[in-house]
Amino acid sequence: MSSSEPDPGLRTVKKQRTRQTIADVAIALFLDRGFDQVSVAEIASAAEVSKPTLFRYFASKEELVLHRFADHRGEAGRVVRERAAGLTPLDALERHQQERLAARDPNTGLNDTPEVLAFLRLIYETPSLSAHLREYVDADTRALAEALDPDGRMAARLLAAQFTSVRQVLAHSTWARLAAGQDIDTVARLAADETAEAFALLRDGAATHGF
């Protein structure tokens, strides 16, 4: 490589910075004015990039928000595949969920930082974002079902669907309590108890199928 050619590592860093800048600008505008009231052209202008450049980094307007969930895509399947010896899939998933609650992971809804509360409100109260979030949930469901049973038995697919639905219900309920002003320590205890209750219900059906 000649000295006049840019360092590939530097190019990657610059692309990551540009992507993050575009997303941060977009989310700030959405939180200030509402998702449907902000155009892609406005976002591109505020981020000082062209619309074609914006769409090279994000396939849709919704992805400007939902990319924050990308790191968690397929997480449940990984937890099942990498679980410790002697743990059932549901034991591993419950332990992981409780650990995420203890860490105040925003994806559990258990985080009372104003920015997180506002971000989750944006998603829950914007129909197009909620609909696109369903695509992430569906992908997680398929990955978990495959981890539970590579042969694709219906029981594994049903259990995976139940788990991902339960996870979404728990997260929304937890966020709603915090958004209503409840104390986070009280909400944390409720979230932990309800998570245990949810997994107890899941186990009732799963045990008969070896999960």
N, C-alpha and C. Protein backbone atom coordinates (compact mmCIF):
# COMPACT_ATOMS: atom_id res chain seq x y z
N MET A 1 0.85 -1.20 0.00
CA MET A 1 0.00 0.00 0.00
C MET A 1 0.88 1.25 0.00
N SER A 2 0.63 2.16 -0.91
CA SER A 2 1.43 3.39 -0.97
C SER A 2 1.03 4.33 0.15
N SER A 3 1.91 5.28 0.45
CA SER A 3 1.64 6.22 1.54
C SER A 3 0.47 7.13 1.23
N SER A 4 0.12 7.24 -0.08
CA SER A 4 -0.99 8.12 -0.46
C SER A 4 -2.35 7.46 -0.28
N GLU A 5 -2.37 6.14 -0.11
CA GLU A 5 -3.64 5.43 0.06
C GLU A 5 -4.07 5.47 1.52
N PRO A 6 -5.35 5.69 1.78
CA PRO A 6 -5.82 5.75 3.17
C PRO A 6 -5.69 4.41 3.88
N ASP A 7 -5.41 4.47 5.15
CA ASP A 7 -5.31 3.27 5.98
C ASP A 7 -6.68 2.60 6.07
N PRO A 8 -6.79 1.29 5.72
CA PRO A 8 -8.09 0.60 5.81
C PRO A 8 -8.71 0.70 7.19
N GLY A 9 -7.86 0.65 8.22
CA GLY A 9 -8.39 0.76 9.58
C GLY A 9 -8.97 2.12 9.84
N LEU A 10 -8.33 3.16 9.31
CA LEU A 10 -8.83 4.52 9.47
C LEU A 10 -10.14 4.70 8.72
N ARG A 11 -10.25 4.11 7.52
CA ARG A 11 -11.50 4.18 6.76
C ARG A 11 -12.64 3.56 7.55
N THR A 12 -12.37 2.43 8.20
CA THR A 12 -13.40 1.76 8.98
C THR A 12 -13.85 2.62 10.15
N VAL A 13 -12.89 3.23 10.84
CA VAL A 13 -13.22 4.10 11.97
C VAL A 13 -14.07 5.28 11.50
N LYS A 14 -13.70 5.87 10.37
CA LYS A 14 -14.44 7.02 9.85
C LYS A 14 -15.87 6.62 9.47
N LYS A 15 -16.03 5.44 8.89
CA LYS A 15 -17.38 4.97 8.55
C LYS A 15 -18.21 4.74 9.80
N GLN A 16 -17.59 4.16 10.83
CA GLN A 16 -18.31 3.93 12.08
C GLN A 16 -18.73 5.26 12.71
N ARG A 17 -17.85 6.24 12.65
CA ARG A 17 -18.18 7.56 13.22
C ARG A 17 -19.32 8.21 12.44
N THR A 18 -19.26 8.11 11.11
CA THR A 18 -20.32 8.69 10.29
C THR A 18 -21.65 8.02 10.59
N ARG A 19 -21.65 6.71 10.69
CA ARG A 19 -22.87 5.97 10.99
C ARG A 19 -23.44 6.39 12.34
N GLN A 20 -22.56 6.49 13.34
CA GLN A 20 -23.02 6.86 14.67
C GLN A 20 -23.54 8.29 14.70
N THR A 21 -22.87 9.17 13.98
CA THR A 21 -23.32 10.57 13.94
C THR A 21 -24.70 10.68 13.32
N ILE A 22 -24.92 9.98 12.20
CA ILE A 22 -26.22 10.01 11.53
C ILE A 22 -27.30 9.51 12.48
N ALA A 23 -27.05 8.38 13.14
CA ALA A 23 -28.04 7.80 14.05
C ALA A 23 -28.32 8.72 15.23
N ASP A 24 -27.27 9.29 15.81
CA ASP A 24 -27.45 10.18 16.97
C ASP A 24 -28.26 11.42 16.59
N VAL A 25 -27.94 11.98 15.44
CA VAL A 25 -28.68 13.16 14.98
C VAL A 25 -30.15 12.80 14.75
N ALA A 26 -30.38 11.67 14.10
CA ALA A 26 -31.76 11.25 13.81
C ALA A 26 -32.56 11.04 15.09
N ILE A 27 -32.00 10.32 16.03
CA ILE A 27 -32.72 10.03 17.27
C ILE A 27 -33.00 11.31 18.05
N ALA A 28 -32.04 12.22 18.07
CA ALA A 28 -32.27 13.51 18.75
C ALA A 28 -33.44 14.26 18.12
N LEU A 29 -33.51 14.26 16.80
CA LEU A 29 -34.62 14.92 16.11
C LEU A 29 -35.94 14.21 16.38
N PHE A 30 -35.92 12.89 16.37
CA PHE A 30 -37.15 12.12 16.63
C PHE A 30 -37.67 12.39 18.04
N LEU A 31 -36.76 12.40 19.00
CA LEU A 31 -37.18 12.62 20.38
C LEU A 31 -37.71 14.04 20.58
N ASP A 32 -37.16 14.98 19.83
CA ASP A 32 -37.58 16.36 19.98
C ASP A 32 -38.91 16.64 19.29
N ARG A 33 -39.13 16.03 18.11
CA ARG A 33 -40.29 16.41 17.30
C ARG A 33 -41.23 15.25 16.96
N GLY A 34 -40.79 14.01 17.19
CA GLY A 34 -41.62 12.87 16.83
C GLY A 34 -41.12 12.22 15.56
N PHE A 35 -41.23 10.91 15.50
CA PHE A 35 -40.68 10.15 14.38
C PHE A 35 -41.29 10.57 13.05
N ASP A 36 -42.60 10.68 13.01
CA ASP A 36 -43.29 10.96 11.75
C ASP A 36 -43.17 12.41 11.29
N GLN A 37 -42.71 13.28 12.18
CA GLN A 37 -42.60 14.70 11.84
C GLN A 37 -41.22 15.07 11.29
N VAL A 38 -40.32 14.12 11.25
CA VAL A 38 -38.95 14.39 10.78
C VAL A 38 -38.71 13.62 9.48
N SER A 39 -38.25 14.31 8.46
CA SER A 39 -38.00 13.65 7.17
C SER A 39 -36.55 13.17 7.09
N VAL A 40 -36.33 12.24 6.19
CA VAL A 40 -34.96 11.76 5.95
C VAL A 40 -34.09 12.89 5.44
N ALA A 41 -34.66 13.75 4.61
CA ALA A 41 -33.89 14.89 4.09
C ALA A 41 -33.40 15.79 5.22
N GLU A 42 -34.26 16.01 6.21
CA GLU A 42 -33.87 16.84 7.36
C GLU A 42 -32.74 16.19 8.15
N ILE A 43 -32.84 14.88 8.32
CA ILE A 43 -31.79 14.16 9.06
C ILE A 43 -30.46 14.26 8.32
N ALA A 44 -30.50 14.02 7.02
CA ALA A 44 -29.27 14.09 6.22
C ALA A 44 -28.65 15.48 6.31
N SER A 45 -29.48 16.49 6.21
CA SER A 45 -28.97 17.86 6.28
C SER A 45 -28.35 18.15 7.64
N ALA A 46 -29.03 17.75 8.70
CA ALA A 46 -28.52 18.01 10.05
C ALA A 46 -27.24 17.24 10.32
N ALA A 47 -27.11 16.05 9.72
CA ALA A 47 -25.90 15.23 9.91
C ALA A 47 -24.81 15.58 8.90
N GLU A 48 -25.12 16.51 8.00
CA GLU A 48 -24.17 16.98 6.98
C GLU A 48 -23.71 15.86 6.06
N VAL A 49 -24.69 15.05 5.62
CA VAL A 49 -24.44 14.03 4.61
C VAL A 49 -25.58 14.11 3.58
N SER A 50 -25.39 13.46 2.45
CA SER A 50 -26.44 13.41 1.44
C SER A 50 -27.42 12.28 1.77
N LYS A 51 -28.62 12.36 1.17
CA LYS A 51 -29.58 11.27 1.37
C LYS A 51 -29.03 9.93 0.88
N PRO A 52 -28.39 9.86 -0.30
CA PRO A 52 -27.81 8.58 -0.72
C PRO A 52 -26.79 8.04 0.27
N THR A 53 -25.99 8.94 0.86
CA THR A 53 -25.02 8.50 1.87
C THR A 53 -25.74 7.93 3.08
N LEU A 54 -26.79 8.62 3.53
CA LEU A 54 -27.56 8.13 4.68
C LEU A 54 -28.07 6.72 4.42
N PHE A 55 -28.61 6.49 3.22
CA PHE A 55 -29.19 5.18 2.92
C PHE A 55 -28.13 4.12 2.67
N ARG A 56 -26.88 4.52 2.48
CA ARG A 56 -25.82 3.51 2.43
C ARG A 56 -25.54 2.94 3.82
N TYR A 57 -25.83 3.73 4.85
CA TYR A 57 -25.59 3.29 6.22
C TYR A 57 -26.84 2.67 6.85
N PHE A 58 -28.01 3.14 6.46
CA PHE A 58 -29.26 2.66 7.05
C PHE A 58 -30.27 2.41 5.94
N ALA A 59 -30.81 1.21 5.93
CA ALA A 59 -31.70 0.81 4.84
C ALA A 59 -33.04 1.52 4.87
N SER A 60 -33.45 1.99 6.03
CA SER A 60 -34.75 2.64 6.16
C SER A 60 -34.71 3.66 7.29
N LYS A 61 -35.71 4.49 7.34
CA LYS A 61 -35.82 5.48 8.41
C LYS A 61 -35.93 4.78 9.75
N GLU A 62 -36.67 3.67 9.79
CA GLU A 62 -36.84 2.93 11.06
C GLU A 62 -35.51 2.39 11.57
N GLU A 63 -34.62 1.99 10.65
CA GLU A 63 -33.34 1.43 11.07
C GLU A 63 -32.47 2.45 11.79
N LEU A 64 -32.72 3.72 11.55
CA LEU A 64 -31.98 4.76 12.27
C LEU A 64 -32.19 4.66 13.78
N VAL A 65 -33.33 4.11 14.17
CA VAL A 65 -33.65 3.93 15.59
C VAL A 65 -33.32 2.51 16.03
N LEU A 66 -33.80 1.55 15.28
CA LEU A 66 -33.75 0.16 15.74
C LEU A 66 -32.37 -0.48 15.62
N HIS A 67 -31.42 0.18 14.98
CA HIS A 67 -30.08 -0.41 14.90
C HIS A 67 -29.50 -0.61 16.30
N ARG A 68 -30.03 0.12 17.28
CA ARG A 68 -29.52 -0.03 18.65
C ARG A 68 -29.81 -1.42 19.22
N PHE A 69 -30.73 -2.13 18.61
CA PHE A 69 -31.03 -3.49 19.06
C PHE A 69 -30.19 -4.54 18.34
N ALA A 70 -29.41 -4.12 17.36
CA ALA A 70 -28.70 -5.08 16.51
C ALA A 70 -27.75 -5.98 17.30
N ASP A 71 -27.11 -5.42 18.32
CA ASP A 71 -26.16 -6.22 19.10
C ASP A 71 -26.84 -7.36 19.84
N HIS A 72 -28.15 -7.25 20.04
CA HIS A 72 -28.88 -8.28 20.78
C HIS A 72 -29.56 -9.29 19.86
N ARG A 73 -29.42 -9.08 18.55
CA ARG A 73 -30.08 -9.98 17.61
C ARG A 73 -29.48 -11.39 17.74
N GLY A 74 -30.34 -12.38 17.92
CA GLY A 74 -29.89 -13.76 18.07
C GLY A 74 -29.36 -14.10 19.45
N GLU A 75 -29.51 -13.17 20.41
CA GLU A 75 -28.93 -13.35 21.75
C GLU A 75 -29.48 -14.59 22.46
N ALA A 76 -30.79 -14.79 22.40
CA ALA A 76 -31.39 -15.93 23.10
C ALA A 76 -30.85 -17.25 22.56
N GLY A 77 -30.71 -17.34 21.24
CA GLY A 77 -30.15 -18.55 20.65
C GLY A 77 -28.73 -18.80 21.12
N ARG A 78 -27.93 -17.75 21.22
CA ARG A 78 -26.55 -17.90 21.70
C ARG A 78 -26.52 -18.36 23.15
N VAL A 79 -27.42 -17.81 23.96
CA VAL A 79 -27.48 -18.22 25.37
C VAL A 79 -27.75 -19.71 25.48
N VAL A 80 -28.66 -20.21 24.67
CA VAL A 80 -29.00 -21.63 24.71
C VAL A 80 -27.84 -22.49 24.22
N ARG A 81 -27.23 -22.09 23.12
CA ARG A 81 -26.12 -22.89 22.57
C ARG A 81 -24.91 -22.91 23.49
N GLU A 82 -24.66 -21.80 24.19
CA GLU A 82 -23.44 -21.68 25.00
C GLU A 82 -23.68 -21.93 26.48
N ARG A 83 -24.84 -22.46 26.83
CA ARG A 83 -25.17 -22.65 28.25
C ARG A 83 -24.24 -23.67 28.90
N ALA A 84 -24.08 -23.52 30.20
CA ALA A 84 -23.22 -24.43 30.97
C ALA A 84 -23.84 -25.83 31.03
N ALA A 85 -22.98 -26.80 31.18
CA ALA A 85 -23.45 -28.18 31.29
C ALA A 85 -24.39 -28.31 32.48
N GLY A 86 -25.49 -29.04 32.28
CA GLY A 86 -26.45 -29.27 33.35
C GLY A 86 -27.59 -28.27 33.38
N LEU A 87 -27.47 -27.18 32.64
CA LEU A 87 -28.54 -26.19 32.59
C LEU A 87 -29.50 -26.53 31.44
N THR A 88 -30.78 -26.51 31.72
CA THR A 88 -31.75 -26.65 30.64
C THR A 88 -31.78 -25.33 29.86
N PRO A 89 -32.30 -25.35 28.64
CA PRO A 89 -32.40 -24.09 27.88
C PRO A 89 -33.15 -23.01 28.64
N LEU A 90 -34.27 -23.37 29.27
CA LEU A 90 -35.04 -22.36 29.99
C LEU A 90 -34.31 -21.87 31.23
N ASP A 91 -33.58 -22.76 31.91
CA ASP A 91 -32.77 -22.32 33.05
C ASP A 91 -31.75 -21.28 32.60
N ALA A 92 -31.09 -21.55 31.47
CA ALA A 92 -30.09 -20.63 30.95
C ALA A 92 -30.71 -19.30 30.56
N LEU A 93 -31.87 -19.35 29.91
CA LEU A 93 -32.53 -18.13 29.49
C LEU A 93 -33.01 -17.32 30.69
N GLU A 94 -33.53 -17.99 31.71
CA GLU A 94 -33.98 -17.26 32.89
C GLU A 94 -32.79 -16.62 33.61
N ARG A 95 -31.72 -17.35 33.76
CA ARG A 95 -30.54 -16.79 34.43
C ARG A 95 -30.04 -15.56 33.68
N HIS A 96 -30.00 -15.67 32.36
CA HIS A 96 -29.54 -14.55 31.54
C HIS A 96 -30.47 -13.35 31.69
N GLN A 97 -31.76 -13.59 31.68
CA GLN A 97 -32.72 -12.50 31.82
C GLN A 97 -32.60 -11.80 33.18
N GLN A 98 -32.44 -12.60 34.22
CA GLN A 98 -32.28 -11.99 35.54
C GLN A 98 -30.98 -11.20 35.64
N GLU A 99 -29.93 -11.69 34.99
CA GLU A 99 -28.66 -10.96 34.98
C GLU A 99 -28.80 -9.63 34.25
N ARG A 100 -29.54 -9.64 33.16
CA ARG A 100 -29.77 -8.41 32.41
C ARG A 100 -30.58 -7.41 33.24
N LEU A 101 -31.54 -7.91 34.00
CA LEU A 101 -32.30 -7.03 34.89
C LEU A 101 -31.39 -6.43 35.95
N ALA A 102 -30.55 -7.25 36.53
CA ALA A 102 -29.63 -6.76 37.57
C ALA A 102 -28.68 -5.70 37.02
N ALA A 103 -28.35 -5.83 35.73
CA ALA A 103 -27.44 -4.87 35.10
C ALA A 103 -28.16 -3.63 34.59
N ARG A 104 -29.49 -3.58 34.79
CA ARG A 104 -30.30 -2.46 34.32
C ARG A 104 -30.15 -2.26 32.80
N ASP A 105 -30.13 -3.38 32.09
CA ASP A 105 -30.03 -3.36 30.63
C ASP A 105 -31.27 -2.67 30.06
N PRO A 106 -31.09 -1.61 29.25
CA PRO A 106 -32.27 -0.92 28.68
C PRO A 106 -33.21 -1.83 27.91
N ASN A 107 -32.68 -2.91 27.36
CA ASN A 107 -33.53 -3.82 26.58
C ASN A 107 -34.52 -4.58 27.45
N THR A 108 -34.32 -4.59 28.75
CA THR A 108 -35.29 -5.21 29.66
C THR A 108 -36.37 -4.21 30.07
N GLY A 109 -36.19 -2.95 29.71
CA GLY A 109 -37.09 -1.89 30.17
C GLY A 109 -36.73 -1.34 31.53
N LEU A 110 -35.79 -1.99 32.22
CA LEU A 110 -35.46 -1.60 33.59
C LEU A 110 -34.28 -0.62 33.61
N ASN A 111 -34.56 0.60 33.18
CA ASN A 111 -33.55 1.65 33.19
C ASN A 111 -34.29 2.97 33.24
N ASP A 112 -34.07 3.74 34.30
CA ASP A 112 -34.83 4.98 34.47
C ASP A 112 -34.08 6.22 34.02
N THR A 113 -33.01 6.03 33.25
CA THR A 113 -32.34 7.18 32.65
C THR A 113 -33.32 7.89 31.72
N PRO A 114 -33.47 9.20 31.85
CA PRO A 114 -34.46 9.91 31.02
C PRO A 114 -34.33 9.63 29.53
N GLU A 115 -33.09 9.54 29.04
CA GLU A 115 -32.88 9.29 27.62
C GLU A 115 -33.40 7.91 27.21
N VAL A 116 -33.20 6.92 28.09
CA VAL A 116 -33.67 5.57 27.79
C VAL A 116 -35.19 5.51 27.83
N LEU A 117 -35.80 6.12 28.83
CA LEU A 117 -37.26 6.15 28.93
C LEU A 117 -37.86 6.80 27.69
N ALA A 118 -37.26 7.91 27.25
CA ALA A 118 -37.78 8.61 26.08
C ALA A 118 -37.58 7.78 24.81
N PHE A 119 -36.43 7.12 24.71
CA PHE A 119 -36.15 6.29 23.54
C PHE A 119 -37.15 5.14 23.42
N LEU A 120 -37.41 4.47 24.54
CA LEU A 120 -38.36 3.36 24.52
C LEU A 120 -39.78 3.86 24.26
N ARG A 121 -40.14 5.02 24.79
CA ARG A 121 -41.45 5.59 24.49
C ARG A 121 -41.59 5.84 22.98
N LEU A 122 -40.52 6.35 22.38
CA LEU A 122 -40.54 6.59 20.94
C LEU A 122 -40.87 5.31 20.18
N ILE A 123 -40.26 4.21 20.59
CA ILE A 123 -40.50 2.94 19.90
C ILE A 123 -41.90 2.41 20.17
N TYR A 124 -42.27 2.37 21.43
CA TYR A 124 -43.57 1.79 21.79
C TYR A 124 -44.74 2.60 21.24
N GLU A 125 -44.57 3.91 21.10
CA GLU A 125 -45.70 4.75 20.73
C GLU A 125 -45.67 5.19 19.27
N THR A 126 -44.72 4.65 18.49
CA THR A 126 -44.67 4.92 17.05
C THR A 126 -45.00 3.64 16.31
N PRO A 127 -46.17 3.54 15.68
CA PRO A 127 -46.60 2.28 15.06
C PRO A 127 -45.59 1.67 14.08
N SER A 128 -44.97 2.50 13.24
CA SER A 128 -44.04 1.94 12.26
C SER A 128 -42.80 1.36 12.93
N LEU A 129 -42.36 1.97 14.03
CA LEU A 129 -41.21 1.42 14.76
C LEU A 129 -41.58 0.13 15.47
N SER A 130 -42.75 0.09 16.07
CA SER A 130 -43.20 -1.13 16.73
C SER A 130 -43.32 -2.27 15.73
N ALA A 131 -43.82 -1.96 14.53
CA ALA A 131 -43.96 -2.98 13.50
C ALA A 131 -42.60 -3.50 13.04
N HIS A 132 -41.65 -2.61 12.86
CA HIS A 132 -40.32 -3.05 12.45
C HIS A 132 -39.60 -3.78 13.57
N LEU A 133 -39.86 -3.41 14.81
CA LEU A 133 -39.28 -4.14 15.93
C LEU A 133 -39.73 -5.59 15.90
N ARG A 134 -40.94 -5.83 15.42
CA ARG A 134 -41.46 -7.20 15.31
C ARG A 134 -40.57 -8.05 14.42
N GLU A 135 -39.95 -7.43 13.41
CA GLU A 135 -39.05 -8.17 12.54
C GLU A 135 -37.83 -8.66 13.31
N TYR A 136 -37.32 -7.83 14.22
CA TYR A 136 -36.20 -8.24 15.07
C TYR A 136 -36.63 -9.41 15.96
N VAL A 137 -37.84 -9.29 16.53
CA VAL A 137 -38.34 -10.34 17.42
C VAL A 137 -38.51 -11.65 16.64
N ASP A 138 -39.03 -11.56 15.43
CA ASP A 138 -39.22 -12.76 14.61
C ASP A 138 -37.88 -13.43 14.30
N ALA A 139 -36.87 -12.63 14.00
CA ALA A 139 -35.54 -13.18 13.73
C ALA A 139 -34.98 -13.87 14.97
N ASP A 140 -35.18 -13.26 16.14
CA ASP A 140 -34.75 -13.87 17.39
C ASP A 140 -35.49 -15.19 17.64
N THR A 141 -36.77 -15.20 17.32
CA THR A 141 -37.57 -16.42 17.52
C THR A 141 -37.04 -17.55 16.66
N ARG A 142 -36.74 -17.27 15.41
CA ARG A 142 -36.21 -18.31 14.52
C ARG A 142 -34.85 -18.82 15.00
N ALA A 143 -33.99 -17.89 15.44
CA ALA A 143 -32.66 -18.30 15.91
C ALA A 143 -32.76 -19.14 17.18
N LEU A 144 -33.66 -18.78 18.08
CA LEU A 144 -33.84 -19.55 19.31
C LEU A 144 -34.41 -20.93 19.00
N ALA A 145 -35.39 -20.99 18.12
CA ALA A 145 -35.99 -22.28 17.77
C ALA A 145 -34.93 -23.23 17.20
N GLU A 146 -34.05 -22.70 16.37
CA GLU A 146 -32.99 -23.53 15.79
C GLU A 146 -32.02 -24.00 16.86
N ALA A 147 -31.71 -23.12 17.82
CA ALA A 147 -30.81 -23.51 18.90
C ALA A 147 -31.45 -24.58 19.78
N LEU A 148 -32.76 -24.50 19.99
CA LEU A 148 -33.46 -25.49 20.80
C LEU A 148 -33.53 -26.84 20.10
N ASP A 149 -33.73 -26.80 18.79
CA ASP A 149 -33.87 -28.05 18.04
C ASP A 149 -33.55 -27.80 16.56
N PRO A 150 -32.33 -28.15 16.13
CA PRO A 150 -31.95 -27.94 14.73
C PRO A 150 -32.85 -28.67 13.73
N ASP A 151 -33.57 -29.69 14.21
CA ASP A 151 -34.47 -30.42 13.32
C ASP A 151 -35.79 -29.70 13.07
N GLY A 152 -36.00 -28.62 13.80
CA GLY A 152 -37.17 -27.79 13.53
C GLY A 152 -38.49 -28.32 14.03
N ARG A 153 -38.49 -29.06 15.14
CA ARG A 153 -39.76 -29.55 15.68
C ARG A 153 -40.68 -28.39 16.05
N MET A 154 -41.98 -28.62 15.88
CA MET A 154 -42.96 -27.60 16.19
C MET A 154 -42.87 -27.16 17.65
N ALA A 155 -42.59 -28.11 18.55
CA ALA A 155 -42.51 -27.76 19.98
C ALA A 155 -41.45 -26.70 20.22
N ALA A 156 -40.30 -26.82 19.56
CA ALA A 156 -39.23 -25.84 19.73
C ALA A 156 -39.64 -24.49 19.17
N ARG A 157 -40.31 -24.49 18.03
CA ARG A 157 -40.75 -23.23 17.43
C ARG A 157 -41.78 -22.53 18.31
N LEU A 158 -42.68 -23.32 18.90
CA LEU A 158 -43.70 -22.74 19.77
C LEU A 158 -43.09 -22.18 21.05
N LEU A 159 -42.14 -22.93 21.63
CA LEU A 159 -41.50 -22.45 22.85
C LEU A 159 -40.71 -21.18 22.58
N ALA A 160 -40.01 -21.13 21.46
CA ALA A 160 -39.26 -19.93 21.11
C ALA A 160 -40.18 -18.73 20.96
N ALA A 161 -41.32 -18.93 20.31
CA ALA A 161 -42.29 -17.84 20.13
C ALA A 161 -42.84 -17.38 21.47
N GLN A 162 -43.10 -18.33 22.35
CA GLN A 162 -43.61 -17.98 23.68
C GLN A 162 -42.57 -17.18 24.45
N PHE A 163 -41.32 -17.62 24.40
CA PHE A 163 -40.28 -16.91 25.13
C PHE A 163 -40.12 -15.48 24.64
N THR A 164 -40.01 -15.28 23.32
CA THR A 164 -39.79 -13.93 22.81
C THR A 164 -40.99 -13.03 23.09
N SER A 165 -42.18 -13.60 23.06
CA SER A 165 -43.37 -12.80 23.39
C SER A 165 -43.36 -12.41 24.86
N VAL A 166 -43.04 -13.36 25.72
CA VAL A 166 -42.97 -13.08 27.16
C VAL A 166 -41.94 -12.00 27.44
N ARG A 167 -40.79 -12.10 26.80
CA ARG A 167 -39.72 -11.11 27.00
C ARG A 167 -40.20 -9.71 26.63
N GLN A 168 -40.93 -9.59 25.53
CA GLN A 168 -41.44 -8.30 25.10
C GLN A 168 -42.48 -7.75 26.07
N VAL A 169 -43.38 -8.62 26.54
CA VAL A 169 -44.41 -8.19 27.49
C VAL A 169 -43.78 -7.71 28.79
N LEU A 170 -42.79 -8.45 29.28
CA LEU A 170 -42.13 -8.07 30.52
C LEU A 170 -41.40 -6.73 30.38
N ALA A 171 -40.72 -6.54 29.25
CA ALA A 171 -39.98 -5.29 29.04
C ALA A 171 -40.93 -4.10 28.96
N HIS A 172 -42.03 -4.26 28.25
CA HIS A 172 -42.97 -3.15 28.12
C HIS A 172 -43.60 -2.81 29.47
N SER A 173 -43.96 -3.84 30.23
CA SER A 173 -44.57 -3.62 31.54
C SER A 173 -43.60 -2.90 32.48
N THR A 174 -42.35 -3.30 32.44
CA THR A 174 -41.34 -2.68 33.29
C THR A 174 -41.12 -1.23 32.90
N TRP A 175 -40.98 -0.98 31.60
CA TRP A 175 -40.82 0.41 31.14
C TRP A 175 -42.02 1.26 31.54
N ALA A 176 -43.24 0.73 31.35
CA ALA A 176 -44.45 1.51 31.64
C ALA A 176 -44.50 1.93 33.11
N ARG A 177 -44.07 1.07 34.01
CA ARG A 177 -44.05 1.43 35.43
C ARG A 177 -43.07 2.56 35.70
N LEU A 178 -41.89 2.46 35.10
CA LEU A 178 -40.90 3.51 35.29
C LEU A 178 -41.37 4.82 34.65
N ALA A 179 -41.96 4.72 33.46
CA ALA A 179 -42.45 5.91 32.77
C ALA A 179 -43.56 6.60 33.56
N ALA A 180 -44.29 5.81 34.37
CA ALA A 180 -45.35 6.37 35.21
C ALA A 180 -44.81 6.96 36.50
N GLY A 181 -43.50 6.84 36.71
CA GLY A 181 -42.89 7.48 37.87
C GLY A 181 -42.63 6.57 39.06
N GLN A 182 -42.81 5.26 38.90
CA GLN A 182 -42.57 4.36 40.03
C GLN A 182 -41.07 4.26 40.32
N ASP A 183 -40.76 4.01 41.57
CA ASP A 183 -39.38 3.88 42.03
C ASP A 183 -38.71 2.68 41.37
N ILE A 184 -37.47 2.86 40.90
CA ILE A 184 -36.82 1.81 40.15
C ILE A 184 -36.54 0.57 41.00
N ASP A 185 -36.25 0.74 42.28
CA ASP A 185 -35.99 -0.43 43.11
C ASP A 185 -37.25 -1.27 43.28
N THR A 186 -38.39 -0.61 43.43
CA THR A 186 -39.66 -1.33 43.52
C THR A 186 -39.96 -2.04 42.20
N VAL A 187 -39.75 -1.33 41.10
CA VAL A 187 -40.00 -1.91 39.78
C VAL A 187 -39.04 -3.08 39.52
N ALA A 188 -37.81 -2.96 39.99
CA ALA A 188 -36.84 -4.03 39.79
C ALA A 188 -37.28 -5.31 40.49
N ARG A 189 -37.80 -5.16 41.71
CA ARG A 189 -38.28 -6.34 42.43
C ARG A 189 -39.47 -6.98 41.71
N LEU A 190 -40.38 -6.15 41.24
CA LEU A 190 -41.53 -6.67 40.50
C LEU A 190 -41.07 -7.37 39.21
N ALA A 191 -40.12 -6.76 38.52
CA ALA A 191 -39.63 -7.34 37.27
C ALA A 191 -38.97 -8.69 37.50
N ALA A 192 -38.19 -8.80 38.57
CA ALA A 192 -37.54 -10.08 38.88
C ALA A 192 -38.57 -11.14 39.24
N ASP A 193 -39.57 -10.75 40.03
CA ASP A 193 -40.62 -11.71 40.43
C ASP A 193 -41.45 -12.15 39.22
N GLU A 194 -41.79 -11.20 38.38
CA GLU A 194 -42.61 -11.53 37.21
C GLU A 194 -41.83 -12.36 36.20
N THR A 195 -40.54 -12.14 36.11
CA THR A 195 -39.70 -12.96 35.24
C THR A 195 -39.69 -14.40 35.74
N ALA A 196 -39.52 -14.58 37.05
CA ALA A 196 -39.55 -15.93 37.62
C ALA A 196 -40.90 -16.60 37.38
N GLU A 197 -41.97 -15.83 37.56
CA GLU A 197 -43.31 -16.37 37.34
C GLU A 197 -43.51 -16.77 35.87
N ALA A 198 -43.03 -15.94 34.97
CA ALA A 198 -43.17 -16.21 33.54
C ALA A 198 -42.44 -17.49 33.16
N PHE A 199 -41.23 -17.66 33.67
CA PHE A 199 -40.48 -18.86 33.33
C PHE A 199 -41.09 -20.11 33.96
N ALA A 200 -41.70 -19.97 35.12
CA ALA A 200 -42.40 -21.10 35.72
C ALA A 200 -43.54 -21.56 34.81
N LEU A 201 -44.24 -20.60 34.24
CA LEU A 201 -45.32 -20.94 33.31
C LEU A 201 -44.78 -21.58 32.04
N LEU A 202 -43.68 -21.06 31.53
CA LEU A 202 -43.08 -21.64 30.33
C LEU A 202 -42.62 -23.08 30.58
N ARG A 203 -42.07 -23.33 31.78
CA ARG A 203 -41.58 -24.68 32.08
C ARG A 203 -42.70 -25.71 32.11
N ASP A 204 -43.89 -25.30 32.52
CA ASP A 204 -44.99 -26.26 32.59
C ASP A 204 -45.22 -26.94 31.27
N GLY A 205 -45.12 -26.19 30.18
CA GLY A 205 -45.32 -26.78 28.87
C GLY A 205 -44.04 -27.37 28.28
N ALA A 206 -42.91 -26.76 28.59
CA ALA A 206 -41.66 -27.17 27.97
C ALA A 206 -41.16 -28.52 28.47
N ALA A 207 -41.41 -28.82 29.74
CA ALA A 207 -40.86 -30.04 30.33
C ALA A 207 -41.31 -31.30 29.59
N THR A 208 -42.54 -31.29 29.11
CA THR A 208 -43.04 -32.50 28.44
C THR A 208 -42.36 -32.74 27.10
N HIS A 209 -41.63 -31.72 26.60
CA HIS A 209 -40.94 -31.88 25.32
C HIS A 209 -39.41 -31.90 25.47
N GLY A 210 -38.96 -32.05 26.71
CA GLY A 210 -37.54 -32.19 26.94
C GLY A 210 -36.74 -30.91 26.96
N PHE A 211 -37.41 -29.77 27.10
CA PHE A 211 -36.72 -28.47 27.14
C PHE A 211 -36.60 -27.97 28.57
